């Protein structure tokens, strides 16, 4: 009888232990799921920001390419020669464009840790590029 009581008591303690442990395990799973969901949301937000920046940059670069193609066609059509200053400005713009294209290619590799700094840097360079393109073509007219 004594062994039966000890066995029942042991069984009760084990049952209680596994029940409590099971609850903690379930709670941990829920917490882990919440954390994973939050990480997915952050990742989705970062991916959307990356795509928006890529799109904005590609549009600016394409706009520049189109303007340059038209400009160079007009120069050839009219058998005109650009002066040294204009050639230098155009060369600088093309170099600036190439650097921005490199940044477009780097966007996918950027992590969340460095994203704000990267985006800020690229936004500033893109803004400067757009201003330089605008100035170049305003001087041309």
Foldseek 3Di string as FASTA:
>chain_A
DVVVVVVVVVVVVVVVVVVVVVVVVVVVVVVVVVVVVVVVVVVVVLVVVLVVLLVVLVVLLVVLVVVVVVVVVVCVVVVHDDDPVLVVLVVVLVVLNVVLVVLNVCSVVDDPVCVVVSVVVSVVSSVVSSVSSVVSVVVVD
